[in-house]
């Protein structure tokens, strides 16, 4: 028979706070999103003093764009930050490539027509 996994409220609280801060959300914004009466419930979850109800936890996962493991497992900063840095670098590279390609594509017709104009001009004056 399988044993039930034990979850650490403190770990979950730290992860909820980390994920909120990562999204640059205030406690008040989270309270509004969850339609809670006061910010005390959010502080209670983040302090590890209690678990959110199931529907609240699902709403937090959606708000933070996080999976279950990101909330219930111990956060490994080195591993995650390296992955985040790599992902951000790759996104930056693709963004610069996309911008460069758009600039190149925008200038190709101009270069092409200027080249044709110069060629025709030279042919007319050389003959």
N, C-alpha and C. Protein backbone atom coordinates (compact mmCIF):
# COMPACT_ATOMS: atom_id res chain seq x y z
N UNK A 1 0.84 -1.18 0.00
CA UNK A 1 0.00 0.00 0.00
C UNK A 1 0.89 1.25 0.00
N UNK A 2 0.41 2.27 -0.65
CA UNK A 2 1.15 3.52 -0.74
C UNK A 2 0.94 4.37 0.51
N UNK A 3 1.95 5.15 0.85
CA UNK A 3 1.84 6.08 1.97
C UNK A 3 1.48 7.46 1.43
N UNK A 4 0.66 8.14 2.16
CA UNK A 4 0.24 9.48 1.76
C UNK A 4 1.42 10.44 1.95
N UNK A 5 1.62 11.31 0.97
CA UNK A 5 2.68 12.32 1.05
C UNK A 5 2.32 13.37 2.09
N UNK A 6 3.29 13.74 2.89
CA UNK A 6 3.10 14.80 3.87
C UNK A 6 3.60 16.11 3.25
N UNK A 7 2.81 17.15 3.37
CA UNK A 7 3.17 18.44 2.81
C UNK A 7 3.54 19.39 3.93
N UNK A 8 4.58 20.18 3.70
CA UNK A 8 5.07 21.14 4.68
C UNK A 8 4.43 22.50 4.41
N UNK A 9 3.62 22.97 5.36
CA UNK A 9 2.93 24.25 5.18
C UNK A 9 3.90 25.40 5.00
N UNK A 10 5.04 25.33 5.67
CA UNK A 10 6.04 26.41 5.55
C UNK A 10 6.61 26.46 4.14
N UNK A 11 6.89 25.30 3.56
CA UNK A 11 7.40 25.24 2.18
C UNK A 11 6.36 25.79 1.22
N UNK A 12 5.12 25.38 1.39
CA UNK A 12 4.05 25.87 0.52
C UNK A 12 3.91 27.38 0.67
N UNK A 13 3.97 27.87 1.89
CA UNK A 13 3.88 29.31 2.13
C UNK A 13 5.00 30.08 1.45
N UNK A 14 6.24 29.57 1.60
CA UNK A 14 7.38 30.24 0.95
C UNK A 14 7.22 30.24 -0.57
N UNK A 15 6.74 29.13 -1.11
CA UNK A 15 6.56 29.03 -2.56
C UNK A 15 5.46 29.97 -3.04
N UNK A 16 4.37 30.07 -2.29
CA UNK A 16 3.30 30.99 -2.69
C UNK A 16 3.80 32.43 -2.70
N UNK A 17 4.59 32.78 -1.71
CA UNK A 17 5.14 34.15 -1.66
C UNK A 17 6.12 34.37 -2.82
N UNK A 18 7.00 33.41 -3.05
CA UNK A 18 7.98 33.53 -4.13
C UNK A 18 7.28 33.68 -5.48
N UNK A 19 6.25 32.87 -5.71
CA UNK A 19 5.53 32.93 -6.98
C UNK A 19 4.79 34.26 -7.13
N UNK A 20 4.22 34.77 -6.04
CA UNK A 20 3.53 36.07 -6.10
C UNK A 20 4.52 37.17 -6.44
N UNK A 21 5.67 37.16 -5.77
CA UNK A 21 6.68 38.19 -6.03
C UNK A 21 7.26 38.06 -7.44
N UNK A 22 7.37 36.85 -7.92
CA UNK A 22 7.88 36.63 -9.28
C UNK A 22 6.95 37.26 -10.31
N UNK A 23 5.64 37.25 -10.03
CA UNK A 23 4.65 37.86 -10.92
C UNK A 23 4.47 39.35 -10.65
N UNK A 24 5.23 39.90 -9.68
CA UNK A 24 5.16 41.32 -9.31
C UNK A 24 3.75 41.71 -8.89
N UNK A 25 3.13 40.85 -8.09
CA UNK A 25 1.78 41.12 -7.59
C UNK A 25 1.86 41.50 -6.12
N UNK A 26 1.02 42.42 -5.71
CA UNK A 26 0.94 42.77 -4.29
C UNK A 26 -0.03 41.82 -3.61
N UNK A 27 0.02 41.79 -2.29
CA UNK A 27 -0.91 40.96 -1.52
C UNK A 27 -2.34 41.45 -1.77
N UNK A 28 -2.51 42.74 -1.89
CA UNK A 28 -3.84 43.31 -2.16
C UNK A 28 -4.37 42.83 -3.52
N UNK A 29 -3.53 42.78 -4.53
CA UNK A 29 -3.97 42.31 -5.85
C UNK A 29 -4.40 40.84 -5.79
N UNK A 30 -3.65 40.05 -5.03
CA UNK A 30 -4.01 38.63 -4.87
C UNK A 30 -5.34 38.52 -4.13
N UNK A 31 -5.51 39.32 -3.09
CA UNK A 31 -6.77 39.32 -2.33
C UNK A 31 -7.95 39.64 -3.24
N UNK A 32 -7.78 40.66 -4.09
CA UNK A 32 -8.85 41.04 -5.01
C UNK A 32 -9.15 39.91 -5.99
N UNK A 33 -8.12 39.29 -6.53
CA UNK A 33 -8.30 38.20 -7.50
C UNK A 33 -9.06 37.04 -6.86
N UNK A 34 -8.72 36.73 -5.61
CA UNK A 34 -9.35 35.61 -4.91
C UNK A 34 -10.70 35.98 -4.29
N UNK A 35 -11.06 37.27 -4.36
CA UNK A 35 -12.31 37.78 -3.76
C UNK A 35 -12.37 37.47 -2.27
N UNK A 36 -11.27 37.73 -1.58
CA UNK A 36 -11.20 37.52 -0.14
C UNK A 36 -11.56 38.81 0.58
N UNK A 37 -12.03 38.71 1.81
CA UNK A 37 -12.43 39.88 2.58
C UNK A 37 -11.27 40.74 3.03
N UNK A 38 -10.14 40.10 3.35
CA UNK A 38 -8.98 40.87 3.81
C UNK A 38 -7.70 40.18 3.34
N UNK A 39 -6.60 40.91 3.47
CA UNK A 39 -5.30 40.37 3.05
C UNK A 39 -4.76 39.37 4.06
N UNK A 40 -5.38 39.27 5.24
CA UNK A 40 -4.87 38.38 6.28
C UNK A 40 -4.82 36.93 5.83
N UNK A 41 -5.76 36.50 5.02
CA UNK A 41 -5.76 35.12 4.54
C UNK A 41 -4.54 34.87 3.65
N UNK A 42 -4.21 35.83 2.80
CA UNK A 42 -3.03 35.69 1.93
C UNK A 42 -1.77 35.61 2.77
N UNK A 43 -1.67 36.49 3.78
CA UNK A 43 -0.51 36.46 4.68
C UNK A 43 -0.44 35.13 5.43
N UNK A 44 -1.59 34.60 5.82
CA UNK A 44 -1.63 33.33 6.54
C UNK A 44 -1.10 32.20 5.65
N UNK A 45 -1.52 32.17 4.38
CA UNK A 45 -1.02 31.13 3.46
C UNK A 45 0.49 31.26 3.27
N UNK A 46 0.95 32.50 3.06
CA UNK A 46 2.37 32.72 2.79
C UNK A 46 3.25 32.51 4.02
N UNK A 47 2.67 32.61 5.20
CA UNK A 47 3.43 32.36 6.42
C UNK A 47 3.47 30.87 6.76
N UNK A 48 2.68 30.10 6.03
CA UNK A 48 2.63 28.67 6.31
C UNK A 48 1.80 28.36 7.54
N UNK A 49 0.89 29.26 7.89
CA UNK A 49 0.04 29.05 9.06
C UNK A 49 -1.24 28.30 8.71
N UNK A 50 -1.48 28.11 7.43
CA UNK A 50 -2.67 27.37 7.00
C UNK A 50 -2.66 27.17 5.50
N UNK A 51 -3.44 26.19 5.08
CA UNK A 51 -3.57 25.91 3.64
C UNK A 51 -4.74 26.67 3.06
N UNK A 52 -4.63 27.11 1.81
CA UNK A 52 -5.82 27.64 1.14
C UNK A 52 -6.79 26.49 0.85
N UNK A 53 -8.06 26.81 0.73
CA UNK A 53 -9.04 25.80 0.31
C UNK A 53 -8.68 25.35 -1.10
N UNK A 54 -9.20 24.23 -1.51
CA UNK A 54 -8.85 23.64 -2.81
C UNK A 54 -9.13 24.60 -3.96
N UNK A 55 -10.31 25.24 -3.98
CA UNK A 55 -10.62 26.15 -5.08
C UNK A 55 -9.72 27.38 -5.06
N UNK A 56 -9.33 27.82 -3.87
CA UNK A 56 -8.42 28.95 -3.74
C UNK A 56 -7.03 28.56 -4.23
N UNK A 57 -6.59 27.36 -3.89
CA UNK A 57 -5.28 26.88 -4.36
C UNK A 57 -5.26 26.79 -5.88
N UNK A 58 -6.33 26.28 -6.47
CA UNK A 58 -6.39 26.20 -7.93
C UNK A 58 -6.36 27.59 -8.56
N UNK A 59 -7.06 28.54 -7.94
CA UNK A 59 -7.05 29.92 -8.44
C UNK A 59 -5.65 30.52 -8.34
N UNK A 60 -4.94 30.23 -7.24
CA UNK A 60 -3.57 30.73 -7.08
C UNK A 60 -2.65 30.11 -8.13
N UNK A 61 -2.82 28.83 -8.40
CA UNK A 61 -2.00 28.17 -9.42
C UNK A 61 -2.23 28.82 -10.78
N UNK A 62 -3.48 29.15 -11.07
CA UNK A 62 -3.78 29.80 -12.34
C UNK A 62 -3.20 31.21 -12.38
N UNK A 63 -3.38 31.96 -11.30
CA UNK A 63 -2.86 33.33 -11.23
C UNK A 63 -1.36 33.37 -11.37
N UNK A 64 -0.67 32.44 -10.70
CA UNK A 64 0.79 32.42 -10.70
C UNK A 64 1.35 31.62 -11.87
N UNK A 65 0.46 31.02 -12.66
CA UNK A 65 0.89 30.19 -13.78
C UNK A 65 1.88 29.12 -13.29
N UNK A 66 1.46 28.41 -12.23
CA UNK A 66 2.34 27.45 -11.56
C UNK A 66 1.66 26.08 -11.49
N UNK A 67 2.49 25.06 -11.47
CA UNK A 67 2.01 23.71 -11.30
C UNK A 67 2.06 23.29 -9.84
N UNK A 68 1.51 22.12 -9.57
CA UNK A 68 1.47 21.62 -8.20
C UNK A 68 2.87 21.51 -7.60
N UNK A 69 3.80 20.98 -8.37
CA UNK A 69 5.15 20.78 -7.84
C UNK A 69 5.84 22.10 -7.49
N UNK A 70 5.53 23.15 -8.22
CA UNK A 70 6.13 24.45 -7.91
C UNK A 70 5.62 25.00 -6.59
N UNK A 71 4.47 24.53 -6.15
CA UNK A 71 3.89 25.02 -4.90
C UNK A 71 4.23 24.12 -3.72
N UNK A 72 4.19 22.80 -3.92
CA UNK A 72 4.34 21.90 -2.77
C UNK A 72 5.75 21.39 -2.53
N UNK A 73 6.62 21.49 -3.52
CA UNK A 73 7.99 20.98 -3.37
C UNK A 73 8.94 22.08 -2.94
N UNK A 74 10.00 21.67 -2.25
CA UNK A 74 11.03 22.62 -1.82
C UNK A 74 11.65 23.27 -3.05
N UNK A 75 11.77 24.58 -3.01
CA UNK A 75 12.32 25.34 -4.13
C UNK A 75 13.83 25.23 -4.13
N UNK A 76 14.39 24.80 -5.25
CA UNK A 76 15.84 24.70 -5.40
C UNK A 76 16.29 25.88 -6.24
N UNK A 77 16.76 26.92 -5.56
CA UNK A 77 17.06 28.19 -6.22
C UNK A 77 18.10 28.07 -7.32
N UNK A 78 19.19 27.34 -7.07
CA UNK A 78 20.24 27.25 -8.08
C UNK A 78 19.73 26.60 -9.35
N UNK A 79 19.02 25.47 -9.19
CA UNK A 79 18.50 24.75 -10.36
C UNK A 79 17.48 25.60 -11.11
N UNK A 80 16.54 26.16 -10.37
CA UNK A 80 15.49 26.92 -11.01
C UNK A 80 16.02 28.23 -11.60
N UNK A 81 16.91 28.90 -10.88
CA UNK A 81 17.39 30.16 -11.39
C UNK A 81 18.24 29.95 -12.64
N UNK A 82 19.01 28.86 -12.69
CA UNK A 82 19.79 28.57 -13.89
C UNK A 82 18.88 28.32 -15.07
N UNK A 83 17.82 27.56 -14.83
CA UNK A 83 16.86 27.29 -15.90
C UNK A 83 16.17 28.57 -16.32
N UNK A 84 15.77 29.40 -15.35
CA UNK A 84 15.11 30.67 -15.68
C UNK A 84 16.03 31.58 -16.48
N UNK A 85 17.31 31.65 -16.08
CA UNK A 85 18.27 32.48 -16.79
C UNK A 85 18.45 31.97 -18.21
N UNK A 86 18.59 30.66 -18.37
CA UNK A 86 18.74 30.07 -19.70
C UNK A 86 17.52 30.35 -20.55
N UNK A 87 16.32 30.15 -19.99
CA UNK A 87 15.08 30.40 -20.73
C UNK A 87 14.99 31.86 -21.14
N UNK A 88 15.33 32.77 -20.22
CA UNK A 88 15.29 34.20 -20.53
C UNK A 88 16.28 34.57 -21.62
N UNK A 89 17.50 33.97 -21.56
CA UNK A 89 18.51 34.24 -22.59
C UNK A 89 18.03 33.77 -23.96
N UNK A 90 17.46 32.58 -24.00
CA UNK A 90 16.96 32.05 -25.27
C UNK A 90 15.84 32.93 -25.80
N UNK A 91 14.93 33.35 -24.93
CA UNK A 91 13.85 34.25 -25.36
C UNK A 91 14.40 35.57 -25.89
N UNK A 92 15.43 36.12 -25.23
CA UNK A 92 16.05 37.36 -25.69
C UNK A 92 16.69 37.17 -27.06
N UNK A 93 17.39 36.05 -27.24
CA UNK A 93 18.05 35.78 -28.53
C UNK A 93 17.01 35.70 -29.63
N UNK A 94 15.92 34.95 -29.40
CA UNK A 94 14.89 34.84 -30.43
C UNK A 94 14.21 36.17 -30.70
N UNK A 95 14.07 36.97 -29.67
CA UNK A 95 13.47 38.29 -29.85
C UNK A 95 14.35 39.17 -30.73
N UNK A 96 15.68 39.14 -30.48
CA UNK A 96 16.61 39.93 -31.30
C UNK A 96 16.66 39.41 -32.73
N UNK A 97 16.64 38.10 -32.90
CA UNK A 97 16.64 37.51 -34.25
C UNK A 97 15.38 37.94 -34.99
N UNK A 98 14.24 37.86 -34.32
CA UNK A 98 12.98 38.25 -34.94
C UNK A 98 13.02 39.72 -35.37
N UNK A 99 13.52 40.59 -34.48
CA UNK A 99 13.62 42.01 -34.81
C UNK A 99 14.57 42.24 -35.98
N UNK A 100 15.72 41.56 -35.96
CA UNK A 100 16.68 41.70 -37.04
C UNK A 100 16.10 41.25 -38.37
N UNK A 101 15.39 40.12 -38.36
CA UNK A 101 14.78 39.63 -39.59
C UNK A 101 13.73 40.60 -40.12
N UNK A 102 12.97 41.20 -39.23
CA UNK A 102 11.97 42.18 -39.68
C UNK A 102 12.64 43.39 -40.31
N UNK A 103 13.74 43.85 -39.74
CA UNK A 103 14.47 44.99 -40.31
C UNK A 103 15.03 44.61 -41.67
N UNK A 104 15.62 43.43 -41.75
CA UNK A 104 16.19 42.97 -43.03
C UNK A 104 15.10 42.85 -44.09
N UNK A 105 13.98 42.23 -43.71
CA UNK A 105 12.89 42.05 -44.67
C UNK A 105 12.32 43.39 -45.11
N UNK A 106 12.31 44.36 -44.23
CA UNK A 106 11.78 45.67 -44.58
C UNK A 106 12.72 46.42 -45.53
N UNK A 107 14.03 46.17 -45.43
CA UNK A 107 14.98 46.91 -46.25
C UNK A 107 15.30 46.20 -47.57
N UNK A 108 15.02 44.93 -47.70
CA UNK A 108 15.35 44.21 -48.94
C UNK A 108 14.69 44.83 -50.17
N UNK A 109 13.40 45.15 -50.15
CA UNK A 109 12.82 45.76 -51.36
C UNK A 109 13.50 47.07 -51.74
N UNK A 110 13.83 47.90 -50.75
CA UNK A 110 14.49 49.17 -51.03
C UNK A 110 15.86 48.95 -51.66
N UNK A 111 16.63 48.04 -51.08
CA UNK A 111 17.96 47.75 -51.61
C UNK A 111 17.84 47.19 -53.02
N UNK A 112 16.88 46.32 -53.25
CA UNK A 112 16.68 45.71 -54.56
C UNK A 112 16.37 46.78 -55.61
N UNK A 113 15.44 47.67 -55.31
CA UNK A 113 15.06 48.70 -56.28
C UNK A 113 16.16 49.73 -56.49
N UNK A 114 16.90 50.07 -55.44
CA UNK A 114 18.03 50.98 -55.59
C UNK A 114 19.08 50.33 -56.48
N UNK A 115 19.32 49.03 -56.28
CA UNK A 115 20.29 48.30 -57.12
C UNK A 115 19.87 48.29 -58.57
N UNK A 116 18.61 48.04 -58.84
CA UNK A 116 18.11 48.05 -60.22
C UNK A 116 18.24 49.44 -60.83
N UNK A 117 17.90 50.47 -60.06
CA UNK A 117 18.01 51.84 -60.55
C UNK A 117 19.45 52.16 -60.93
N UNK A 118 20.41 51.81 -60.06
CA UNK A 118 21.82 52.07 -60.34
C UNK A 118 22.27 51.30 -61.56
N UNK A 119 21.88 50.05 -61.66
CA UNK A 119 22.26 49.23 -62.82
C UNK A 119 21.73 49.85 -64.12
N UNK A 120 20.45 50.20 -64.11
CA UNK A 120 19.87 50.78 -65.32
C UNK A 120 20.50 52.14 -65.65
N UNK A 121 20.77 52.94 -64.64
CA UNK A 121 21.39 54.24 -64.84
C UNK A 121 22.77 54.09 -65.47
N UNK A 122 23.56 53.12 -64.92
CA UNK A 122 24.90 52.91 -65.46
C UNK A 122 24.84 52.37 -66.89
N UNK A 123 23.92 51.49 -67.17
CA UNK A 123 23.81 50.92 -68.53
C UNK A 123 23.46 52.02 -69.52
N UNK A 124 22.59 52.93 -69.12
CA UNK A 124 22.16 53.98 -70.04
C UNK A 124 23.31 54.94 -70.32
N UNK A 125 24.11 55.25 -69.32
CA UNK A 125 25.18 56.22 -69.49
C UNK A 125 26.45 55.59 -70.06
N UNK A 126 26.61 54.28 -69.91
CA UNK A 126 27.82 53.64 -70.46
C UNK A 126 27.65 53.43 -71.95
N UNK A 127 26.47 53.17 -72.44
CA UNK A 127 26.26 52.87 -73.85
C UNK A 127 26.33 54.07 -74.69
